[in-house]
């Protein structure tokens, strides 16, 4: 197997695992949870596709079905994520990020003021 193929396979497995871990934490957000699981399943399909290429299998029906299924799962994950955004499942995250941005801006402003006072 080629090194780049091994890297792609490892990367897909790691990202798929992260998506599954994220999905398990989304107990009250069903659309986001579904999106993460669908994304992980799509990455599993692409991993199987890459492994079949790596072992030298000819491009047959199995590889075509695996590739098409992976794309379909990614599309379904994107649609589920759009549903999550429309349902307001990410509003708590956006609010938390806005608060952190405000705190960071305030901290930067205070540091800038201290720097100006020190220069004087």
PDB file of N, CA and C in Angstrom:
ATOM      1  N   UNK A   1       0.829  -1.182   0.000  1.00  0.00           N
ATOM      2  CA  UNK A   1       0.000   0.000   0.000  1.00  0.00           C
ATOM      3  C   UNK A   1       0.875   1.247   0.000  1.00  0.00           C
ATOM      4  N   UNK A   2       0.393   2.247  -0.649  1.00  0.00           N
ATOM      5  CA  UNK A   2       1.070   3.529  -0.755  1.00  0.00           C
ATOM      6  C   UNK A   2       0.932   4.293   0.566  1.00  0.00           C
ATOM      7  N   UNK A   3       1.943   5.083   0.917  1.00  0.00           N
ATOM      8  CA  UNK A   3       1.922   5.836   2.173  1.00  0.00           C
ATOM      9  C   UNK A   3       0.771   6.839   2.207  1.00  0.00           C
ATOM     10  N   UNK A   4       0.512   7.505   1.092  1.00  0.00           N
ATOM     11  CA  UNK A   4      -0.578   8.481   1.077  1.00  0.00           C
ATOM     12  C   UNK A   4      -1.928   7.799   1.304  1.00  0.00           C
ATOM     13  N   UNK A   5      -2.070   6.580   0.812  1.00  0.00           N
ATOM     14  CA  UNK A   5      -3.303   5.833   1.024  1.00  0.00           C
ATOM     15  C   UNK A   5      -3.464   5.456   2.494  1.00  0.00           C
ATOM     16  N   UNK A   6      -2.381   5.063   3.113  1.00  0.00           N
ATOM     17  CA  UNK A   6      -2.418   4.722   4.540  1.00  0.00           C
ATOM     18  C   UNK A   6      -2.776   5.957   5.362  1.00  0.00           C
ATOM     19  N   UNK A   7      -2.218   7.093   4.991  1.00  0.00           N
ATOM     20  CA  UNK A   7      -2.526   8.338   5.706  1.00  0.00           C
ATOM     21  C   UNK A   7      -3.999   8.691   5.547  1.00  0.00           C
ATOM     22  N   UNK A   8      -4.541   8.546   4.336  1.00  0.00           N
ATOM     23  CA  UNK A   8      -5.966   8.837   4.116  1.00  0.00           C
ATOM     24  C   UNK A   8      -6.852   7.917   4.939  1.00  0.00           C
ATOM     25  N   UNK A   9      -6.494   6.648   4.994  1.00  0.00           N
ATOM     26  CA  UNK A   9      -7.282   5.677   5.759  1.00  0.00           C
ATOM     27  C   UNK A   9      -7.234   6.025   7.245  1.00  0.00           C
ATOM     28  N   UNK A  10      -6.035   6.298   7.764  1.00  0.00           N
ATOM     29  CA  UNK A  10      -5.892   6.639   9.177  1.00  0.00           C
ATOM     30  C   UNK A  10      -6.647   7.924   9.511  1.00  0.00           C
ATOM     31  N   UNK A  11      -6.549   8.911   8.639  1.00  0.00           N
ATOM     32  CA  UNK A  11      -7.230  10.184   8.857  1.00  0.00           C
ATOM     33  C   UNK A  11      -8.744   9.983   8.892  1.00  0.00           C
ATOM     34  N   UNK A  12      -9.278   9.186   7.973  1.00  0.00           N
ATOM     35  CA  UNK A  12     -10.722   8.930   7.940  1.00  0.00           C
ATOM     36  C   UNK A  12     -11.180   8.197   9.197  1.00  0.00           C
ATOM     37  N   UNK A  13     -10.384   7.265   9.673  1.00  0.00           N
ATOM     38  CA  UNK A  13     -10.743   6.533  10.890  1.00  0.00           C
ATOM     39  C   UNK A  13     -10.748   7.463  12.098  1.00  0.00           C
ATOM     40  N   UNK A  14      -9.746   8.319  12.204  1.00  0.00           N
ATOM     41  CA  UNK A  14      -9.664   9.235  13.346  1.00  0.00           C
ATOM     42  C   UNK A  14     -10.828  10.229  13.314  1.00  0.00           C
ATOM     43  N   UNK A  15     -11.076  10.844  12.163  1.00  0.00           N
ATOM     44  CA  UNK A  15     -12.159  11.820  12.056  1.00  0.00           C
ATOM     45  C   UNK A  15     -13.513  11.137  12.287  1.00  0.00           C
ATOM     46  N   UNK A  16     -13.682   9.933  11.777  1.00  0.00           N
ATOM     47  CA  UNK A  16     -14.919   9.186  12.020  1.00  0.00           C
ATOM     48  C   UNK A  16     -15.126   8.918  13.499  1.00  0.00           C
ATOM     49  N   UNK A  17     -14.050   8.575  14.199  1.00  0.00           N
ATOM     50  CA  UNK A  17     -14.140   8.361  15.641  1.00  0.00           C
ATOM     51  C   UNK A  17     -14.509   9.627  16.394  1.00  0.00           C
ATOM     52  N   UNK A  18     -13.935  10.738  15.970  1.00  0.00           N
ATOM     53  CA  UNK A  18     -14.273  12.020  16.596  1.00  0.00           C
ATOM     54  C   UNK A  18     -15.744  12.356  16.369  1.00  0.00           C
ATOM     55  N   UNK A  19     -16.234  12.096  15.166  1.00  0.00           N
ATOM     56  CA  UNK A  19     -17.648  12.363  14.875  1.00  0.00           C
ATOM     57  C   UNK A  19     -18.567  11.497  15.735  1.00  0.00           C
ATOM     58  N   UNK A  20     -18.205  10.248  15.929  1.00  0.00           N
ATOM     59  CA  UNK A  20     -19.018   9.364  16.782  1.00  0.00           C
ATOM     60  C   UNK A  20     -19.003   9.861  18.223  1.00  0.00           C
ATOM     61  N   UNK A  21     -17.842  10.299  18.700  1.00  0.00           N
ATOM     62  CA  UNK A  21     -17.773  10.831  20.068  1.00  0.00           C
ATOM     63  C   UNK A  21     -18.626  12.089  20.204  1.00  0.00           C
ATOM     64  N   UNK A  22     -18.592  12.947  19.205  1.00  0.00           N
ATOM     65  CA  UNK A  22     -19.418  14.156  19.226  1.00  0.00           C
ATOM     66  C   UNK A  22     -20.905  13.789  19.215  1.00  0.00           C
ATOM     67  N   UNK A  23     -21.264  12.802  18.404  1.00  0.00           N
ATOM     68  CA  UNK A  23     -22.665  12.399  18.295  1.00  0.00           C
ATOM     69  C   UNK A  23     -23.192  11.871  19.624  1.00  0.00           C
ATOM     70  N   UNK A  24     -22.359  11.161  20.345  1.00  0.00           N
ATOM     71  CA  UNK A  24     -22.794  10.618  21.638  1.00  0.00           C
ATOM     72  C   UNK A  24     -23.073  11.713  22.661  1.00  0.00           C
ATOM     73  N   UNK A  25     -22.436  12.868  22.499  1.00  0.00           N
ATOM     74  CA  UNK A  25     -22.650  13.974  23.436  1.00  0.00           C
ATOM     75  C   UNK A  25     -23.900  14.782  23.106  1.00  0.00           C
ATOM     76  N   UNK A  26     -24.458  14.613  21.930  1.00  0.00           N
ATOM     77  CA  UNK A  26     -25.610  15.405  21.491  1.00  0.00           C
ATOM     78  C   UNK A  26     -26.920  14.711  21.865  1.00  0.00           C
ATOM     79  N   UNK A  27     -27.204  14.583  23.136  1.00  0.00           N
ATOM     80  CA  UNK A  27     -28.396  13.860  23.560  1.00  0.00           C
ATOM     81  C   UNK A  27     -29.678  14.645  23.301  1.00  0.00           C
ATOM     82  N   UNK A  28     -29.617  15.961  23.432  1.00  0.00           N
ATOM     83  CA  UNK A  28     -30.833  16.758  23.269  1.00  0.00           C
ATOM     84  C   UNK A  28     -30.927  17.417  21.896  1.00  0.00           C
ATOM     85  N   UNK A  29     -30.031  17.066  20.988  1.00  0.00           N
ATOM     86  CA  UNK A  29     -30.006  17.668  19.661  1.00  0.00           C
ATOM     87  C   UNK A  29     -30.044  16.566  18.599  1.00  0.00           C
ATOM     88  N   UNK A  30     -31.224  16.070  18.276  1.00  0.00           N
ATOM     89  CA  UNK A  30     -31.315  14.891  17.399  1.00  0.00           C
ATOM     90  C   UNK A  30     -30.805  15.117  15.976  1.00  0.00           C
ATOM     91  N   UNK A  31     -31.006  16.293  15.411  1.00  0.00           N
ATOM     92  CA  UNK A  31     -30.548  16.521  14.037  1.00  0.00           C
ATOM     93  C   UNK A  31     -29.028  16.591  13.953  1.00  0.00           C
ATOM     94  N   UNK A  32     -28.416  17.245  14.913  1.00  0.00           N
ATOM     95  CA  UNK A  32     -26.950  17.303  14.931  1.00  0.00           C
ATOM     96  C   UNK A  32     -26.367  15.919  15.185  1.00  0.00           C
ATOM     97  N   UNK A  33     -26.987  15.178  16.094  1.00  0.00           N
ATOM     98  CA  UNK A  33     -26.517  13.819  16.374  1.00  0.00           C
ATOM     99  C   UNK A  33     -26.586  12.954  15.127  1.00  0.00           C
ATOM    100  N   UNK A  34     -27.698  13.056  14.420  1.00  0.00           N
ATOM    101  CA  UNK A  34     -27.853  12.299  13.180  1.00  0.00           C
ATOM    102  C   UNK A  34     -26.798  12.718  12.154  1.00  0.00           C
ATOM    103  N   UNK A  35     -26.534  14.018  12.060  1.00  0.00           N
ATOM    104  CA  UNK A  35     -25.537  14.509  11.108  1.00  0.00           C
ATOM    105  C   UNK A  35     -24.152  13.938  11.423  1.00  0.00           C
ATOM    106  N   UNK A  36     -23.793  13.902  12.695  1.00  0.00           N
ATOM    107  CA  UNK A  36     -22.489  13.365  13.066  1.00  0.00           C
ATOM    108  C   UNK A  36     -22.399  11.867  12.773  1.00  0.00           C
ATOM    109  N   UNK A  37     -23.454  11.127  13.091  1.00  0.00           N
ATOM    110  CA  UNK A  37     -23.436   9.692  12.796  1.00  0.00           C
ATOM    111  C   UNK A  37     -23.385   9.430  11.288  1.00  0.00           C
ATOM    112  N   UNK A  38     -24.134  10.194  10.522  1.00  0.00           N
ATOM    113  CA  UNK A  38     -24.104  10.023   9.070  1.00  0.00           C
ATOM    114  C   UNK A  38     -22.733  10.365   8.500  1.00  0.00           C
ATOM    115  N   UNK A  39     -22.108  11.402   9.029  1.00  0.00           N
ATOM    116  CA  UNK A  39     -20.761  11.753   8.591  1.00  0.00           C
ATOM    117  C   UNK A  39     -19.758  10.657   8.915  1.00  0.00           C
ATOM    118  N   UNK A  40     -19.888  10.073  10.094  1.00  0.00           N
ATOM    119  CA  UNK A  40     -18.999   8.967  10.472  1.00  0.00           C
ATOM    120  C   UNK A  40     -19.225   7.756   9.570  1.00  0.00           C
ATOM    121  N   UNK A  41     -20.474   7.468   9.246  1.00  0.00           N
ATOM    122  CA  UNK A  41     -20.766   6.343   8.352  1.00  0.00           C
ATOM    123  C   UNK A  41     -20.209   6.604   6.949  1.00  0.00           C
ATOM    124  N   UNK A  42     -20.298   7.845   6.492  1.00  0.00           N
ATOM    125  CA  UNK A  42     -19.746   8.188   5.177  1.00  0.00           C
ATOM    126  C   UNK A  42     -18.230   7.994   5.177  1.00  0.00           C
ATOM    127  N   UNK A  43     -17.581   8.415   6.237  1.00  0.00           N
ATOM    128  CA  UNK A  43     -16.133   8.207   6.321  1.00  0.00           C
ATOM    129  C   UNK A  43     -15.779   6.727   6.381  1.00  0.00           C
ATOM    130  N   UNK A  44     -16.626   5.937   7.019  1.00  0.00           N
ATOM    131  CA  UNK A  44     -16.394   4.484   7.036  1.00  0.00           C
ATOM    132  C   UNK A  44     -16.491   3.918   5.627  1.00  0.00           C
ATOM    133  N   UNK A  45     -17.454   4.397   4.853  1.00  0.00           N
ATOM    134  CA  UNK A  45     -17.578   3.942   3.466  1.00  0.00           C
ATOM    135  C   UNK A  45     -16.339   4.306   2.652  1.00  0.00           C
ATOM    136  N   UNK A  46     -15.852   5.529   2.835  1.00  0.00           N
ATOM    137  CA  UNK A  46     -14.659   5.940   2.101  1.00  0.00           C
ATOM    138  C   UNK A  46     -13.420   5.190   2.571  1.00  0.00           C
ATOM    139  N   UNK A  47     -13.381   4.814   3.837  1.00  0.00           N
ATOM    140  CA  UNK A  47     -12.269   4.014   4.332  1.00  0.00           C
ATOM    141  C   UNK A  47     -12.282   2.638   3.678  1.00  0.00           C
ATOM    142  N   UNK A  48     -13.457   2.029   3.605  1.00  0.00           N
ATOM    143  CA  UNK A  48     -13.577   0.720   2.942  1.00  0.00           C
ATOM    144  C   UNK A  48     -13.176   0.845   1.468  1.00  0.00           C
ATOM    145  N   UNK A  49     -13.602   1.920   0.828  1.00  0.00           N
ATOM    146  CA  UNK A  49     -13.246   2.164  -0.565  1.00  0.00           C
ATOM    147  C   UNK A  49     -11.726   2.278  -0.727  1.00  0.00           C
ATOM    148  N   UNK A  50     -11.076   3.045   0.158  1.00  0.00           N
ATOM    149  CA  UNK A  50      -9.630   3.211   0.072  1.00  0.00           C
ATOM    150  C   UNK A  50      -8.881   1.916   0.371  1.00  0.00           C
ATOM    151  N   UNK A  51      -9.390   1.135   1.317  1.00  0.00           N
ATOM    152  CA  UNK A  51      -8.757  -0.150   1.617  1.00  0.00           C
ATOM    153  C   UNK A  51      -8.861  -1.076   0.412  1.00  0.00           C
ATOM    154  N   UNK A  52     -10.018  -1.084  -0.236  1.00  0.00           N
ATOM    155  CA  UNK A  52     -10.171  -1.950  -1.411  1.00  0.00           C
ATOM    156  C   UNK A  52      -9.232  -1.520  -2.534  1.00  0.00           C
ATOM    157  N   UNK A  53      -8.993  -0.237  -2.659  1.00  0.00           N
ATOM    158  CA  UNK A  53      -8.013   0.224  -3.648  1.00  0.00           C
ATOM    159  C   UNK A  53      -6.615  -0.196  -3.222  1.00  0.00           C
ATOM    160  N   UNK A  54      -6.337  -0.079  -1.933  1.00  0.00           N
ATOM    161  CA  UNK A  54      -5.019  -0.411  -1.411  1.00  0.00           C
ATOM    162  C   UNK A  54      -4.649  -1.869  -1.564  1.00  0.00           C
ATOM    163  N   UNK A  55      -5.627  -2.745  -1.475  1.00  0.00           N
ATOM    164  CA  UNK A  55      -5.306  -4.173  -1.616  1.00  0.00           C
ATOM    165  C   UNK A  55      -5.294  -4.607  -3.073  1.00  0.00           C
ATOM    166  N   UNK A  56      -5.556  -3.675  -3.963  1.00  0.00           N
ATOM    167  CA  UNK A  56      -5.446  -3.960  -5.394  1.00  0.00           C
ATOM    168  C   UNK A  56      -6.684  -4.547  -6.021  1.00  0.00           C
ATOM    169  N   UNK A  57      -7.818  -4.369  -5.414  1.00  0.00           N
ATOM    170  CA  UNK A  57      -9.060  -4.887  -5.989  1.00  0.00           C
ATOM    171  C   UNK A  57      -9.386  -4.099  -7.254  1.00  0.00           C
ATOM    172  N   UNK A  58      -9.924  -4.794  -8.216  1.00  0.00           N
ATOM    173  CA  UNK A  58     -10.305  -4.104  -9.450  1.00  0.00           C
ATOM    174  C   UNK A  58     -11.536  -3.244  -9.187  1.00  0.00           C
ATOM    175  N   UNK A  59     -11.690  -2.200  -9.971  1.00  0.00           N
ATOM    176  CA  UNK A  59     -12.791  -1.266  -9.773  1.00  0.00           C
ATOM    177  C   UNK A  59     -14.069  -1.949 -10.231  1.00  0.00           C
ATOM    178  N   UNK A  60     -14.777  -2.523  -9.276  1.00  0.00           N
ATOM    179  CA  UNK A  60     -15.984  -3.267  -9.587  1.00  0.00           C
ATOM    180  C   UNK A  60     -17.209  -2.655  -8.956  1.00  0.00           C
ATOM    181  N   UNK A  61     -18.244  -3.450  -8.921  1.00  0.00           N
ATOM    182  CA  UNK A  61     -19.527  -2.983  -8.396  1.00  0.00           C
ATOM    183  C   UNK A  61     -19.426  -2.636  -6.912  1.00  0.00           C
ATOM    184  N   UNK A  62     -18.649  -3.416  -6.158  1.00  0.00           N
ATOM    185  CA  UNK A  62     -18.515  -3.149  -4.719  1.00  0.00           C
ATOM    186  C   UNK A  62     -17.933  -1.769  -4.465  1.00  0.00           C
ATOM    187  N   UNK A  63     -16.879  -1.436  -5.195  1.00  0.00           N
ATOM    188  CA  UNK A  63     -16.259  -0.128  -5.010  1.00  0.00           C
ATOM    189  C   UNK A  63     -17.180   0.996  -5.457  1.00  0.00           C
ATOM    190  N   UNK A  64     -17.903   0.781  -6.520  1.00  0.00           N
ATOM    191  CA  UNK A  64     -18.834   1.808  -6.991  1.00  0.00           C
ATOM    192  C   UNK A  64     -19.944   2.032  -5.972  1.00  0.00           C
ATOM    193  N   UNK A  65     -20.495   0.949  -5.463  1.00  0.00           N
ATOM    194  CA  UNK A  65     -21.567   1.069  -4.467  1.00  0.00           C
ATOM    195  C   UNK A  65     -21.042   1.749  -3.206  1.00  0.00           C
ATOM    196  N   UNK A  66     -19.851   1.373  -2.778  1.00  0.00           N
ATOM    197  CA  UNK A  66     -19.265   1.976  -1.581  1.00  0.00           C
ATOM    198  C   UNK A  66     -19.043   3.471  -1.767  1.00  0.00           C
ATOM    199  N   UNK A  67     -18.528   3.868  -2.915  1.00  0.00           N
ATOM    200  CA  UNK A  67     -18.279   5.293  -3.179  1.00  0.00           C
ATOM    201  C   UNK A  67     -19.594   6.079  -3.256  1.00  0.00           C
ATOM    202  N   UNK A  68     -20.573   5.542  -3.957  1.00  0.00           N
ATOM    203  CA  UNK A  68     -21.864   6.232  -4.087  1.00  0.00           C
ATOM    204  C   UNK A  68     -22.552   6.319  -2.725  1.00  0.00           C
ATOM    205  N   UNK A  69     -22.491   5.253  -1.954  1.00  0.00           N
ATOM    206  CA  UNK A  69     -23.090   5.259  -0.622  1.00  0.00           C
ATOM    207  C   UNK A  69     -22.406   6.294   0.277  1.00  0.00           C
ATOM    208  N   UNK A  70     -21.089   6.398   0.197  1.00  0.00           N
ATOM    209  CA  UNK A  70     -20.364   7.391   0.979  1.00  0.00           C
ATOM    210  C   UNK A  70     -20.783   8.806   0.625  1.00  0.00           C
ATOM    211  N   UNK A  71     -20.914   9.102  -0.659  1.00  0.00           N
ATOM    212  CA  UNK A  71     -21.353  10.432  -1.089  1.00  0.00           C
ATOM    213  C   UNK A  71     -22.779  10.697  -0.617  1.00  0.00           C
ATOM    214  N   UNK A  72     -23.653   9.701  -0.759  1.00  0.00           N
ATOM    215  CA  UNK A  72     -25.046   9.867  -0.328  1.00  0.00           C
ATOM    216  C   UNK A  72     -25.124  10.121   1.182  1.00  0.00           C
ATOM    217  N   UNK A  73     -24.302   9.437   1.952  1.00  0.00           N
ATOM    218  CA  UNK A  73     -24.301   9.647   3.396  1.00  0.00           C
ATOM    219  C   UNK A  73     -23.787  11.042   3.761  1.00  0.00           C
ATOM    220  N   UNK A  74     -22.788  11.532   3.032  1.00  0.00           N
ATOM    221  CA  UNK A  74     -22.305  12.893   3.282  1.00  0.00           C
ATOM    222  C   UNK A  74     -23.369  13.930   2.948  1.00  0.00           C
ATOM    223  N   UNK A  75     -24.089  13.719   1.858  1.00  0.00           N
ATOM    224  CA  UNK A  75     -25.173  14.639   1.504  1.00  0.00           C
ATOM    225  C   UNK A  75     -26.255  14.611   2.584  1.00  0.00           C
ATOM    226  N   UNK A  76     -26.597  13.420   3.045  1.00  0.00           N
ATOM    227  CA  UNK A  76     -27.605  13.299   4.102  1.00  0.00           C
ATOM    228  C   UNK A  76     -27.123  13.969   5.394  1.00  0.00           C
ATOM    229  N   UNK A  77     -25.835  13.858   5.698  1.00  0.00           N
ATOM    230  CA  UNK A  77     -25.289  14.516   6.888  1.00  0.00           C
ATOM    231  C   UNK A  77     -25.386  16.029   6.756  1.00  0.00           C
ATOM    232  N   UNK A  78     -25.088  16.551   5.576  1.00  0.00           N
ATOM    233  CA  UNK A  78     -25.182  17.998   5.361  1.00  0.00           C
ATOM    234  C   UNK A  78     -26.623  18.475   5.492  1.00  0.00           C
ATOM    235  N   UNK A  79     -27.553  17.717   4.952  1.00  0.00           N
ATOM    236  CA  UNK A  79     -28.970  18.083   5.058  1.00  0.00           C
ATOM    237  C   UNK A  79     -29.417  18.052   6.514  1.00  0.00           C
ATOM    238  N   UNK A  80     -28.999  17.045   7.251  1.00  0.00           N
ATOM    239  CA  UNK A  80     -29.358  16.954   8.661  1.00  0.00           C
ATOM    240  C   UNK A  80     -28.753  18.112   9.456  1.00  0.00           C
ATOM    241  N   UNK A  81     -27.553  18.523   9.088  1.00  0.00           N
ATOM    242  CA  UNK A  81     -26.938  19.663   9.755  1.00  0.00           C
ATOM    243  C   UNK A  81     -27.697  20.959   9.457  1.00  0.00           C
ATOM    244  N   UNK A  82     -28.176  21.107   8.236  1.00  0.00           N
ATOM    245  CA  UNK A  82     -29.008  22.271   7.896  1.00  0.00           C
ATOM    246  C   UNK A  82     -30.290  22.256   8.716  1.00  0.00           C
ATOM    247  N   UNK A  83     -30.910  21.091   8.855  1.00  0.00           N
ATOM    248  CA  UNK A  83     -32.106  20.981   9.697  1.00  0.00           C
ATOM    249  C   UNK A  83     -31.798  21.374  11.135  1.00  0.00           C
ATOM    250  N   UNK A  84     -30.626  20.985  11.637  1.00  0.00           N
ATOM    251  CA  UNK A  84     -30.234  21.339  12.997  1.00  0.00           C
ATOM    252  C   UNK A  84     -30.083  22.852  13.143  1.00  0.00           C
ATOM    253  N   UNK A  85     -29.501  23.480  12.148  1.00  0.00           N
ATOM    254  CA  UNK A  85     -29.344  24.932  12.198  1.00  0.00           C
ATOM    255  C   UNK A  85     -30.699  25.630  12.156  1.00  0.00           C
ATOM    256  N   UNK A  86     -31.575  25.140  11.312  1.00  0.00           N
ATOM    257  CA  UNK A  86     -32.904  25.752  11.200  1.00  0.00           C
ATOM    258  C   UNK A  86     -33.742  25.531  12.451  1.00  0.00           C
ATOM    259  N   UNK A  87     -33.515  24.423  13.151  1.00  0.00           N
ATOM    260  CA  UNK A  87     -34.283  24.121  14.362  1.00  0.00           C
ATOM    261  C   UNK A  87     -33.719  24.836  15.587  1.00  0.00           C
ATOM    262  N   UNK A  88     -32.607  25.538  15.417  1.00  0.00           N
ATOM    263  CA  UNK A  88     -32.024  26.273  16.534  1.00  0.00           C
ATOM    264  C   UNK A  88     -31.216  25.416  17.492  1.00  0.00           C
ATOM    265  N   UNK A  89     -30.777  24.269  17.036  1.00  0.00           N
ATOM    266  CA  UNK A  89     -30.025  23.374  17.912  1.00  0.00           C
ATOM    267  C   UNK A  89     -28.631  23.906  18.221  1.00  0.00           C
ATOM    268  N   UNK A  90     -28.157  24.860  17.471  1.00  0.00           N
ATOM    269  CA  UNK A  90     -26.821  25.398  17.700  1.00  0.00           C
ATOM    270  C   UNK A  90     -26.845  26.762  18.376  1.00  0.00           C
ATOM    271  N   UNK A  91     -28.017  27.223  18.807  1.00  0.00           N
ATOM    272  CA  UNK A  91     -28.105  28.563  19.383  1.00  0.00           C
ATOM    273  C   UNK A  91     -27.299  28.684  20.680  1.00  0.00           C
ATOM    274  N   UNK A  92     -27.266  27.652  21.496  1.00  0.00           N
ATOM    275  CA  UNK A  92     -26.485  27.708  22.738  1.00  0.00           C
ATOM    276  C   UNK A  92     -24.996  27.820  22.426  1.00  0.00           C
ATOM    277  N   UNK A  93     -24.535  27.101  21.410  1.00  0.00           N
ATOM    278  CA  UNK A  93     -23.133  27.190  21.012  1.00  0.00           C
ATOM    279  C   UNK A  93     -22.797  28.580  20.496  1.00  0.00           C
ATOM    280  N   UNK A  94     -23.677  29.142  19.683  1.00  0.00           N
ATOM    281  CA  UNK A  94     -23.439  30.490  19.154  1.00  0.00           C
ATOM    282  C   UNK A  94     -23.409  31.518  20.273  1.00  0.00           C
ATOM    283  N   UNK A  95     -24.293  31.379  21.239  1.00  0.00           N
ATOM    284  CA  UNK A  95     -24.328  32.311  22.360  1.00  0.00           C
ATOM    285  C   UNK A  95     -23.043  32.199  23.189  1.00  0.00           C
ATOM    286  N   UNK A  96     -22.588  30.981  23.426  1.00  0.00           N
ATOM    287  CA  UNK A  96     -21.357  30.776  24.186  1.00  0.00           C
ATOM    288  C   UNK A  96     -20.162  31.364  23.441  1.00  0.00           C
ATOM    289  N   UNK A  97     -20.109  31.174  22.122  1.00  0.00           N
ATOM    290  CA  UNK A  97     -19.014  31.746  21.336  1.00  0.00           C
ATOM    291  C   UNK A  97     -19.054  33.272  21.363  1.00  0.00           C
ATOM    292  N   UNK A  98     -20.242  33.858  21.278  1.00  0.00           N
ATOM    293  CA  UNK A  98     -20.365  35.315  21.321  1.00  0.00           C
ATOM    294  C   UNK A  98     -19.866  35.858  22.658  1.00  0.00           C
ATOM    295  N   UNK A  99     -20.190  35.169  23.749  1.00  0.00           N
ATOM    296  CA  UNK A  99     -19.718  35.594  25.065  1.00  0.00           C
ATOM    297  C   UNK A  99     -18.197  35.501  25.160  1.00  0.00           C
ATOM    298  N   UNK A 100     -17.630  34.425  24.607  1.00  0.00           N
ATOM    299  CA  UNK A 100     -16.179  34.274  24.643  1.00  0.00           C
ATOM    300  C   UNK A 100     -15.488  35.328  23.778  1.00  0.00           C
ATOM    301  N   UNK A 101     -16.095  35.678  22.658  1.00  0.00           N
ATOM    302  CA  UNK A 101     -15.533  36.726  21.799  1.00  0.00           C
ATOM    303  C   UNK A 101     -15.559  38.065  22.513  1.00  0.00           C
ATOM    304  N   UNK A 102     -16.652  38.358  23.195  1.00  0.00           N
ATOM    305  CA  UNK A 102     -16.743  39.612  23.943  1.00  0.00           C
ATOM    306  C   UNK A 102     -15.705  39.656  25.067  1.00  0.00           C
ATOM    307  N   UNK A 103     -15.534  38.555  25.772  1.00  0.00           N
ATOM    308  CA  UNK A 103     -14.547  38.506  26.854  1.00  0.00           C
ATOM    309  C   UNK A 103     -13.137  38.679  26.298  1.00  0.00           C
ATOM    310  N   UNK A 104     -12.850  38.057  25.173  1.00  0.00           N
ATOM    311  CA  UNK A 104     -11.535  38.191  24.550  1.00  0.00           C
ATOM    312  C   UNK A 104     -11.302  39.619  24.082  1.00  0.00           C
ATOM    313  N   UNK A 105     -12.321  40.243  23.481  1.00  0.00           N
ATOM    314  CA  UNK A 105     -12.195  41.627  23.029  1.00  0.00           C
ATOM    315  C   UNK A 105     -11.937  42.561  24.199  1.00  0.00           C
ATOM    316  N   UNK A 106     -12.644  42.336  25.290  1.00  0.00           N
ATOM    317  CA  UNK A 106     -12.454  43.156  26.486  1.00  0.00           C
ATOM    318  C   UNK A 106     -11.039  42.985  27.031  1.00  0.00           C
ATOM    319  N   UNK A 107     -10.564  41.763  27.039  1.00  0.00           N
ATOM    320  CA  UNK A 107      -9.220  41.481  27.528  1.00  0.00           C
ATOM    321  C   UNK A 107      -8.172  42.148  26.636  1.00  0.00           C
ATOM    322  N   UNK A 108      -8.368  42.092  25.334  1.00  0.00           N
ATOM    323  CA  UNK A 108      -7.443  42.741  24.396  1.00  0.00           C
ATOM    324  C   UNK A 108      -7.442  44.254  24.587  1.00  0.00           C
ATOM    325  N   UNK A 109      -8.637  44.816  24.786  1.00  0.00           N
ATOM    326  CA  UNK A 109      -8.752  46.259  24.991  1.00  0.00           C
ATOM    327  C   UNK A 109      -8.017  46.674  26.269  1.00  0.00           C
ATOM    328  N   UNK A 110      -8.176  45.900  27.332  1.00  0.00           N
ATOM    329  CA  UNK A 110      -7.490  46.212  28.587  1.00  0.00           C
ATOM    330  C   UNK A 110      -5.980  46.106  28.419  1.00  0.00           C
ATOM    331  N   UNK A 111      -5.519  45.102  27.704  1.00  0.00           N
ATOM    332  CA  UNK A 111      -4.084  44.949  27.464  1.00  0.00           C
ATOM    333  C   UNK A 111      -3.552  46.120  26.635  1.00  0.00           C
ATOM    334  N   UNK A 112      -4.327  46.563  25.681  1.00  0.00           N
ATOM    335  CA  UNK A 112      -3.931  47.691  24.843  1.00  0.00           C
ATOM    336  C   UNK A 112      -3.840  48.970  25.673  1.00  0.00           C
ATOM    337  N   UNK A 113      -4.805  49.178  26.557  1.00  0.00           N
ATOM    338  CA  UNK A 113      -4.787  50.347  27.428  1.00  0.00           C
ATOM    339  C   UNK A 113      -3.587  50.315  28.376  1.00  0.00           C
ATOM    340  N   UNK A 114      -3.248  49.161  28.914  1.00  0.00           N
ATOM    341  CA  UNK A 114      -2.082  49.030  29.789  1.00  0.00           C
ATOM    342  C   UNK A 114      -0.808  49.348  29.020  1.00  0.00           C
ATOM    343  N   UNK A 115      -0.727  48.879  27.794  1.00  0.00           N
ATOM    344  CA  UNK A 115       0.440  49.126  26.956  1.00  0.00           C
ATOM    345  C   UNK A 115       0.595  50.613  26.661  1.00  0.00           C
ATOM    346  N   UNK A 116      -0.532  51.298  26.402  1.00  0.00           N
ATOM    347  CA  UNK A 116      -0.492  52.742  26.148  1.00  0.00           C
ATOM    348  C   UNK A 116      -0.059  53.498  27.394  1.00  0.00           C
ATOM    349  N   UNK A 117      -0.530  53.098  28.564  1.00  0.00           N
ATOM    350  CA  UNK A 117      -0.145  53.754  29.809  1.00  0.00           C
ATOM    351  C   UNK A 117       1.335  53.539  30.108  1.00  0.00           C
ATOM    352  N   UNK A 118       1.809  52.360  29.784  1.00  0.00           N
ATOM    353  CA  UNK A 118       3.221  52.055  30.030  1.00  0.00           C
ATOM    354  C   UNK A 118       4.135  52.887  29.125  1.00  0.00           C
ATOM    355  N   UNK A 119       3.682  53.179  27.907  1.00  0.00           N
ATOM    356  CA  UNK A 119       4.460  53.984  26.974  1.00  0.00           C
ATOM    357  C   UNK A 119       4.545  55.439  27.410  1.00  0.00           C
ATOM    358  N   UNK A 120       3.566  55.903  28.146  1.00  0.00           N
ATOM    359  CA  UNK A 120       3.531  57.311  28.555  1.00  0.00           C
ATOM    360  C   UNK A 120       4.488  57.626  29.636  1.00  0.00           C
TER     361      UNK A 120
END
